[in-house]
Amino acid sequence: MSEAFDEDAIYRWSATEKWEYRTVFYNLDGELDASPRPDFYAAAKASVGRLASGKTVAEEEGMAALFLFRH
């Protein structure tokens, strides 16, 4: 089993590391520059449309569609 690991490699668990992200939804004044509400609605509408037309099944998109409409 120990042959599978490279002893010189550095193994990390990135879930515990702090990541630097570029600010996306806030402008330079620190105010919210975008609202996710229209995006949630559009995604939910498209998902429910696919469900209603039979292009997908509830097992694939049903829970996501329900979540998006409720929130």
N, C-alpha and C. Protein backbone atom coordinates (compact mmCIF):
# COMPACT_ATOMS: atom_id res chain seq x y z
N MET A 1 0.82 -1.19 0.00
CA MET A 1 0.00 0.00 0.00
C MET A 1 0.87 1.25 0.00
N SER A 2 1.96 1.25 0.71
CA SER A 2 2.81 2.44 0.79
C SER A 2 3.47 2.75 -0.55
N GLU A 3 3.51 1.78 -1.47
CA GLU A 3 4.09 2.01 -2.77
C GLU A 3 3.25 2.96 -3.63
N ALA A 4 1.98 3.13 -3.30
CA ALA A 4 1.08 3.97 -4.09
C ALA A 4 1.31 5.45 -3.82
N PHE A 5 1.96 5.80 -2.71
CA PHE A 5 2.16 7.19 -2.34
C PHE A 5 3.60 7.60 -2.59
N ASP A 6 3.76 8.80 -3.13
CA ASP A 6 5.08 9.37 -3.35
C ASP A 6 5.51 10.07 -2.06
N GLU A 7 6.56 9.63 -1.44
CA GLU A 7 6.98 10.19 -0.16
C GLU A 7 7.47 11.62 -0.28
N ASP A 8 7.87 12.05 -1.46
CA ASP A 8 8.34 13.43 -1.65
C ASP A 8 7.22 14.40 -2.01
N ALA A 9 6.04 13.86 -2.29
CA ALA A 9 4.92 14.72 -2.67
C ALA A 9 4.35 15.41 -1.45
N ILE A 10 3.73 16.56 -1.69
CA ILE A 10 3.06 17.30 -0.62
C ILE A 10 1.56 17.06 -0.79
N TYR A 11 0.96 16.39 0.18
CA TYR A 11 -0.47 16.10 0.14
C TYR A 11 -1.18 17.13 1.02
N ARG A 12 -2.25 17.71 0.47
CA ARG A 12 -2.99 18.74 1.20
C ARG A 12 -4.47 18.39 1.20
N TRP A 13 -5.15 18.96 2.17
CA TRP A 13 -6.60 18.88 2.22
C TRP A 13 -7.11 20.29 2.06
N SER A 14 -7.49 20.66 0.86
CA SER A 14 -7.80 22.04 0.54
C SER A 14 -9.06 22.57 1.24
N ALA A 15 -9.87 21.70 1.80
CA ALA A 15 -11.08 22.16 2.49
C ALA A 15 -10.75 22.97 3.73
N THR A 16 -9.55 22.80 4.27
CA THR A 16 -9.18 23.53 5.49
C THR A 16 -8.34 24.76 5.19
N GLU A 17 -8.05 25.02 3.93
CA GLU A 17 -7.22 26.16 3.56
C GLU A 17 -8.07 27.37 3.21
N LYS A 18 -7.55 28.55 3.48
CA LYS A 18 -8.24 29.78 3.11
C LYS A 18 -7.91 30.10 1.66
N TRP A 19 -8.93 30.34 0.86
CA TRP A 19 -8.76 30.65 -0.54
C TRP A 19 -9.08 32.11 -0.78
N GLU A 20 -8.32 32.74 -1.62
CA GLU A 20 -8.59 34.13 -2.00
C GLU A 20 -9.46 34.13 -3.25
N TYR A 21 -10.58 34.82 -3.19
CA TYR A 21 -11.48 34.90 -4.32
C TYR A 21 -11.65 36.36 -4.74
N ARG A 22 -11.81 36.57 -6.01
CA ARG A 22 -12.07 37.90 -6.53
C ARG A 22 -13.53 38.24 -6.22
N THR A 23 -13.78 39.47 -5.78
CA THR A 23 -15.13 39.91 -5.49
C THR A 23 -15.91 40.00 -6.80
N VAL A 24 -17.07 39.38 -6.83
CA VAL A 24 -17.84 39.32 -8.06
C VAL A 24 -19.15 40.11 -7.93
N PHE A 25 -19.87 39.94 -6.86
CA PHE A 25 -21.21 40.50 -6.75
C PHE A 25 -21.28 41.85 -6.05
N TYR A 26 -20.16 42.41 -5.64
CA TYR A 26 -20.17 43.69 -4.96
C TYR A 26 -19.36 44.70 -5.76
N ASN A 27 -19.84 45.93 -5.83
CA ASN A 27 -19.11 46.96 -6.55
C ASN A 27 -18.03 47.57 -5.64
N LEU A 28 -17.32 48.56 -6.10
CA LEU A 28 -16.22 49.16 -5.34
C LEU A 28 -16.68 49.85 -4.07
N ASP A 29 -17.95 50.25 -4.00
CA ASP A 29 -18.50 50.89 -2.80
C ASP A 29 -18.94 49.87 -1.75
N GLY A 30 -18.83 48.60 -2.06
CA GLY A 30 -19.24 47.56 -1.13
C GLY A 30 -20.71 47.24 -1.17
N GLU A 31 -21.42 47.78 -2.15
CA GLU A 31 -22.85 47.52 -2.28
C GLU A 31 -23.09 46.32 -3.18
N LEU A 32 -24.16 45.61 -2.89
CA LEU A 32 -24.51 44.44 -3.70
C LEU A 32 -24.84 44.91 -5.10
N ASP A 33 -24.17 44.33 -6.08
CA ASP A 33 -24.28 44.76 -7.47
C ASP A 33 -25.12 43.81 -8.31
N ALA A 34 -25.56 42.71 -7.74
CA ALA A 34 -26.34 41.73 -8.48
C ALA A 34 -27.30 41.03 -7.53
N SER A 35 -28.37 40.55 -8.07
CA SER A 35 -29.33 39.80 -7.27
C SER A 35 -29.49 38.41 -7.86
N PRO A 36 -29.40 37.38 -7.04
CA PRO A 36 -29.55 36.02 -7.56
C PRO A 36 -31.01 35.64 -7.82
N ARG A 37 -31.97 36.45 -7.39
CA ARG A 37 -33.37 36.08 -7.52
C ARG A 37 -33.80 35.80 -8.95
N PRO A 38 -33.50 36.70 -9.91
CA PRO A 38 -33.92 36.40 -11.29
C PRO A 38 -33.27 35.12 -11.84
N ASP A 39 -32.05 34.87 -11.43
CA ASP A 39 -31.36 33.67 -11.90
C ASP A 39 -31.99 32.40 -11.33
N PHE A 40 -32.36 32.43 -10.04
CA PHE A 40 -33.03 31.28 -9.45
C PHE A 40 -34.36 31.03 -10.15
N TYR A 41 -35.10 32.10 -10.41
CA TYR A 41 -36.39 31.96 -11.08
C TYR A 41 -36.22 31.39 -12.48
N ALA A 42 -35.27 31.92 -13.23
CA ALA A 42 -35.05 31.45 -14.61
C ALA A 42 -34.65 29.98 -14.62
N ALA A 43 -33.77 29.58 -13.69
CA ALA A 43 -33.34 28.18 -13.63
C ALA A 43 -34.50 27.27 -13.24
N ALA A 44 -35.31 27.71 -12.28
CA ALA A 44 -36.45 26.91 -11.85
C ALA A 44 -37.47 26.78 -12.98
N LYS A 45 -37.73 27.89 -13.69
CA LYS A 45 -38.70 27.86 -14.78
C LYS A 45 -38.25 26.90 -15.89
N ALA A 46 -36.96 26.95 -16.23
CA ALA A 46 -36.43 26.06 -17.27
C ALA A 46 -36.51 24.60 -16.83
N SER A 47 -36.17 24.35 -15.57
CA SER A 47 -36.19 22.98 -15.05
C SER A 47 -37.61 22.42 -15.02
N VAL A 48 -38.56 23.22 -14.53
CA VAL A 48 -39.95 22.77 -14.48
C VAL A 48 -40.51 22.61 -15.90
N GLY A 49 -40.08 23.46 -16.81
CA GLY A 49 -40.51 23.32 -18.21
C GLY A 49 -40.05 22.00 -18.80
N ARG A 50 -38.82 21.61 -18.49
CA ARG A 50 -38.32 20.32 -18.98
C ARG A 50 -39.09 19.16 -18.34
N LEU A 51 -39.41 19.30 -17.06
CA LEU A 51 -40.19 18.26 -16.38
C LEU A 51 -41.58 18.14 -16.99
N ALA A 52 -42.23 19.27 -17.20
CA ALA A 52 -43.60 19.27 -17.72
C ALA A 52 -43.68 18.74 -19.14
N SER A 53 -42.65 18.97 -19.94
CA SER A 53 -42.68 18.52 -21.33
C SER A 53 -42.17 17.10 -21.50
N GLY A 54 -41.71 16.49 -20.42
CA GLY A 54 -41.23 15.12 -20.49
C GLY A 54 -39.81 14.99 -21.00
N LYS A 55 -39.08 16.09 -21.10
CA LYS A 55 -37.69 16.03 -21.58
C LYS A 55 -36.73 15.52 -20.51
N THR A 56 -37.18 15.50 -19.29
CA THR A 56 -36.39 14.94 -18.19
C THR A 56 -37.36 14.31 -17.20
N VAL A 57 -36.84 13.64 -16.20
CA VAL A 57 -37.70 12.98 -15.22
C VAL A 57 -37.47 13.59 -13.84
N ALA A 58 -38.45 13.41 -12.98
CA ALA A 58 -38.39 14.01 -11.64
C ALA A 58 -37.17 13.53 -10.85
N GLU A 59 -36.74 12.30 -11.11
CA GLU A 59 -35.58 11.78 -10.38
C GLU A 59 -34.31 12.55 -10.71
N GLU A 60 -34.27 13.20 -11.87
CA GLU A 60 -33.08 13.96 -12.25
C GLU A 60 -33.15 15.42 -11.84
N GLU A 61 -34.29 16.07 -12.05
CA GLU A 61 -34.38 17.50 -11.80
C GLU A 61 -35.48 17.91 -10.84
N GLY A 62 -36.29 17.00 -10.41
CA GLY A 62 -37.44 17.35 -9.57
C GLY A 62 -37.07 18.05 -8.29
N MET A 63 -36.12 17.53 -7.55
CA MET A 63 -35.74 18.13 -6.27
C MET A 63 -35.12 19.51 -6.48
N ALA A 64 -34.29 19.65 -7.50
CA ALA A 64 -33.68 20.95 -7.79
C ALA A 64 -34.75 21.98 -8.15
N ALA A 65 -35.71 21.58 -8.98
CA ALA A 65 -36.78 22.49 -9.37
C ALA A 65 -37.59 22.92 -8.15
N LEU A 66 -37.92 21.98 -7.29
CA LEU A 66 -38.66 22.30 -6.07
C LEU A 66 -37.87 23.26 -5.19
N PHE A 67 -36.60 23.01 -5.00
CA PHE A 67 -35.76 23.88 -4.18
C PHE A 67 -35.72 25.29 -4.76
N LEU A 68 -35.49 25.40 -6.07
CA LEU A 68 -35.38 26.72 -6.69
C LEU A 68 -36.68 27.51 -6.59
N PHE A 69 -37.82 26.85 -6.76
CA PHE A 69 -39.09 27.56 -6.66
C PHE A 69 -39.39 27.98 -5.23
N ARG A 70 -39.02 27.17 -4.28
CA ARG A 70 -39.30 27.50 -2.87
C ARG A 70 -38.40 28.61 -2.35
N HIS A 71 -37.21 28.77 -2.93
CA HIS A 71 -36.28 29.76 -2.41
C HIS A 71 -36.15 30.91 -3.36
